[in-house]
Amino acid sequence: MPSSMVHLLTAYKFNPDASTTFLVGNIVPDIVNEWKEKDRLHLRDRLDRIGALEELAYTMNLHDDFDLGILLHLFVDYKWDTNPREKFIKGYEGYTWFHPYRHEIALSGVWLYNHTEWSKRVWEEMMSCPLELFENSHGYEKEDIAEFISHNYKWHEENDIGPSSFFTPDLIEVFTSEVALEFGNWLAG
């Protein structure tokens, strides 16, 4: 999975005038901390992951911005896992890739935060979004959503590092542009 900022940049490219609930939906699947549960929720346990995404899309209200944001998040993760992350992993044996990978996506995310004019505003809008909008939302607790947003906003504000030498700004720019377009085509398809 990429950083929250990669998710938000893709969401911004998909719809520059998106609602705050759409943007929150784009980061909320990552509030789950337990890895097996996170892999299940991200459909990584499914052999046909794109087919599983299609099945999930049929069960969601895609006229609801929060639901659409969650679906875009899962689509971005699928695309990320099968390309940039896969390329990164090839340089490692076994599971030794995980910590260097987390470091590189952190570098890429915080660099994006500090080098996009809209990011601080978007995080502040998400922090001020009424929690009632997320009552009983796909099992995500509204307090967990608020804590995730607050924690990540603070971390981005307190750090100015990067960029990543692997997940470079150019790679992120191309990836997010392509995936935003692909998602629109996938929805229309």
Protein backbone atom coordinates (compact mmCIF):
# COMPACT_ATOMS: atom_id res chain seq x y z
CA MET A 1 0.00 0.00 0.00
CA PRO A 2 1.21 3.51 -0.71
CA SER A 3 1.16 6.44 1.70
CA SER A 4 -2.00 8.36 2.56
CA MET A 5 -0.69 11.25 0.48
CA VAL A 6 -0.50 9.03 -2.62
CA HIS A 7 -4.13 8.08 -2.00
CA LEU A 8 -5.12 11.71 -1.58
CA LEU A 9 -3.19 12.82 -4.67
CA THR A 10 -4.94 10.14 -6.73
CA ALA A 11 -8.30 11.20 -5.28
CA TYR A 12 -7.50 14.83 -6.07
CA LYS A 13 -6.63 13.92 -9.66
CA PHE A 14 -9.78 11.82 -9.98
CA ASN A 15 -11.95 14.67 -8.70
CA PRO A 16 -10.27 18.00 -7.82
CA ASP A 17 -13.60 19.26 -6.41
CA ALA A 18 -14.28 16.18 -4.29
CA SER A 19 -16.08 16.38 -0.98
CA THR A 20 -14.25 15.93 2.29
CA THR A 21 -16.12 12.66 2.90
CA PHE A 22 -14.73 11.32 -0.41
CA LEU A 23 -11.22 12.24 0.72
CA VAL A 24 -11.71 10.61 4.13
CA GLY A 25 -12.97 7.48 2.36
CA ASN A 26 -9.70 7.43 0.43
CA ILE A 27 -7.64 6.99 3.58
CA VAL A 28 -9.98 5.21 5.99
CA PRO A 29 -9.18 1.58 5.00
CA ASP A 30 -5.71 2.10 6.47
CA ILE A 31 -6.96 2.81 10.00
CA VAL A 32 -6.97 -0.94 10.66
CA ASN A 33 -3.73 -1.89 12.45
CA GLU A 34 -3.96 -5.67 12.55
CA TRP A 35 -2.21 -6.92 9.36
CA LYS A 36 -4.30 -10.02 8.68
CA GLU A 37 -7.49 -7.99 9.02
CA LYS A 38 -6.04 -5.20 6.89
CA ASP A 39 -5.06 -7.71 4.17
CA ARG A 40 -8.58 -9.16 4.26
CA LEU A 41 -10.23 -5.73 4.04
CA HIS A 42 -7.87 -4.79 1.18
CA LEU A 43 -8.82 -8.05 -0.61
CA ARG A 44 -5.20 -9.23 -0.62
CA ASP A 45 -6.42 -12.66 0.48
CA ARG A 46 -8.34 -13.09 -2.78
CA LEU A 47 -6.72 -14.78 -5.78
CA ASP A 48 -8.74 -12.65 -8.20
CA ARG A 49 -8.35 -9.31 -6.48
CA ILE A 50 -9.77 -7.20 -9.31
CA GLY A 51 -12.75 -9.56 -9.47
CA ALA A 52 -13.18 -9.15 -5.72
CA LEU A 53 -13.10 -5.37 -6.18
CA GLU A 54 -15.83 -5.65 -8.80
CA GLU A 55 -17.93 -7.78 -6.45
CA LEU A 56 -17.43 -5.24 -3.66
CA ALA A 57 -18.37 -2.35 -5.95
CA TYR A 58 -21.75 -3.99 -6.62
CA THR A 59 -22.49 -4.02 -2.88
CA MET A 60 -21.61 -0.34 -2.35
CA ASN A 61 -23.55 2.85 -2.94
CA LEU A 62 -21.23 4.52 -5.43
CA HIS A 63 -23.31 7.68 -5.30
CA ASP A 64 -22.12 8.03 -1.70
CA ASP A 65 -18.81 9.89 -1.62
CA PHE A 66 -17.47 7.94 1.36
CA ASP A 67 -18.15 4.59 -0.32
CA LEU A 68 -16.64 5.79 -3.59
CA GLY A 69 -13.56 6.98 -1.70
CA ILE A 70 -13.13 3.59 -0.05
CA LEU A 71 -13.43 1.86 -3.42
CA LEU A 72 -10.82 4.19 -4.96
CA HIS A 73 -8.50 3.48 -2.02
CA LEU A 74 -8.76 -0.27 -2.61
CA PHE A 75 -8.28 0.16 -6.38
CA VAL A 76 -5.15 2.30 -5.79
CA ASP A 77 -3.74 -0.31 -3.42
CA TYR A 78 -4.35 -3.07 -5.96
CA LYS A 79 -2.55 -1.09 -8.66
CA TRP A 80 0.26 -0.12 -6.28
CA ASP A 81 0.78 -3.65 -4.97
CA THR A 82 0.99 -5.11 -8.48
CA ASN A 83 3.46 -2.58 -9.83
CA PRO A 84 5.56 -0.16 -7.70
CA ARG A 85 5.53 -2.30 -4.56
CA GLU A 86 6.21 -5.47 -6.54
CA LYS A 87 9.23 -3.83 -8.19
CA PHE A 88 10.53 -2.72 -4.80
CA ILE A 89 10.18 -6.20 -3.28
CA LYS A 90 12.23 -7.82 -6.04
CA GLY A 91 15.37 -6.34 -4.52
CA TYR A 92 14.92 -8.29 -1.27
CA GLU A 93 14.84 -11.86 -0.02
CA GLY A 94 11.93 -13.09 2.04
CA TYR A 95 10.17 -10.52 4.18
CA THR A 96 13.27 -8.32 4.64
CA TRP A 97 11.70 -5.73 2.32
CA PHE A 98 9.02 -4.59 4.77
CA HIS A 99 10.89 -2.06 6.94
CA PRO A 100 12.84 -0.46 4.07
CA TYR A 101 9.56 -0.30 2.13
CA ARG A 102 7.70 1.44 4.97
CA HIS A 103 10.57 3.92 5.23
CA GLU A 104 10.47 4.71 1.50
CA ILE A 105 6.70 5.21 1.41
CA ALA A 106 6.94 7.45 4.48
CA LEU A 107 9.57 9.54 2.68
CA SER A 108 7.41 9.77 -0.44
CA GLY A 109 4.27 10.69 1.52
CA VAL A 110 5.73 13.40 3.73
CA TRP A 111 7.60 14.89 0.77
CA LEU A 112 4.29 15.10 -1.12
CA TYR A 113 2.64 16.74 1.87
CA ASN A 114 5.31 19.42 2.01
CA HIS A 115 5.40 20.00 -1.76
CA THR A 116 1.72 20.23 -2.76
CA GLU A 117 -0.13 23.47 -2.19
CA TRP A 118 -3.44 21.82 -1.27
CA SER A 119 -2.34 19.10 1.17
CA LYS A 120 -2.39 21.06 4.45
CA ARG A 121 -5.86 22.45 3.62
CA VAL A 122 -7.17 18.96 2.79
CA TRP A 123 -5.90 17.46 6.06
CA GLU A 124 -7.38 20.35 8.03
CA GLU A 125 -10.73 19.89 6.25
CA MET A 126 -10.67 16.18 7.08
CA MET A 127 -9.89 16.96 10.72
CA SER A 128 -12.84 19.34 10.95
CA CYS A 129 -15.30 17.05 9.16
CA PRO A 130 -18.24 16.18 11.48
CA LEU A 131 -17.77 12.70 12.91
CA GLU A 132 -21.50 12.00 12.61
CA LEU A 133 -20.96 11.58 8.87
CA PHE A 134 -19.04 8.38 9.62
CA GLU A 135 -21.47 6.76 12.05
CA ASN A 136 -21.62 3.00 11.35
CA SER A 137 -19.59 3.33 8.15
CA HIS A 138 -18.54 -0.14 7.00
CA GLY A 139 -17.47 -1.04 10.52
CA TYR A 140 -14.98 1.83 10.83
CA GLU A 141 -15.38 3.58 14.16
CA LYS A 142 -15.72 7.35 13.86
CA GLU A 143 -13.31 7.89 16.79
CA ASP A 144 -10.68 5.72 15.06
CA ILE A 145 -11.14 7.75 11.88
CA ALA A 146 -10.66 11.01 13.77
CA GLU A 147 -7.58 9.67 15.58
CA PHE A 148 -6.02 8.41 12.32
CA ILE A 149 -6.53 11.77 10.61
CA SER A 150 -5.23 13.75 13.60
CA HIS A 151 -2.17 11.53 14.07
CA ASN A 152 -1.23 11.63 10.40
CA TYR A 153 -1.78 15.37 10.09
CA LYS A 154 0.52 15.95 13.06
CA TRP A 155 3.17 13.58 11.69
CA HIS A 156 3.14 15.29 8.30
CA GLU A 157 3.34 18.72 9.94
CA GLU A 158 6.30 17.72 12.13
CA ASN A 159 8.36 16.09 9.41
CA ASP A 160 9.90 17.51 6.26
CA ILE A 161 11.95 14.68 4.83
CA GLY A 162 12.27 12.90 1.53
CA PRO A 163 11.74 12.43 -1.25
CA SER A 164 12.06 8.69 -1.59
CA SER A 165 14.89 7.49 -3.81
CA PHE A 166 12.72 4.58 -5.01
CA PHE A 167 9.17 5.99 -5.03
CA THR A 168 10.35 9.23 -6.60
CA PRO A 169 8.15 12.27 -7.16
CA ASP A 170 8.13 11.48 -10.90
CA LEU A 171 7.04 7.88 -10.27
CA ILE A 172 4.28 9.11 -7.93
CA GLU A 173 3.13 11.73 -10.44
CA VAL A 174 2.84 9.21 -13.27
CA PHE A 175 1.30 6.50 -11.09
CA THR A 176 -1.40 8.74 -9.60
CA SER A 177 -2.34 10.24 -12.97
CA GLU A 178 -2.62 6.84 -14.63
CA VAL A 179 -4.56 5.23 -11.79
CA ALA A 180 -7.03 8.14 -11.48
CA LEU A 181 -7.80 7.73 -15.19
CA GLU A 182 -7.95 3.92 -14.96
CA PHE A 183 -10.35 4.09 -12.02
CA GLY A 184 -12.75 6.28 -13.99
CA ASN A 185 -12.59 3.89 -16.93
CA TRP A 186 -13.02 0.88 -14.64
CA LEU A 187 -16.12 2.42 -13.07
CA ALA A 188 -17.58 3.22 -16.48
CA GLY A 189 -16.70 -0.20 -17.88
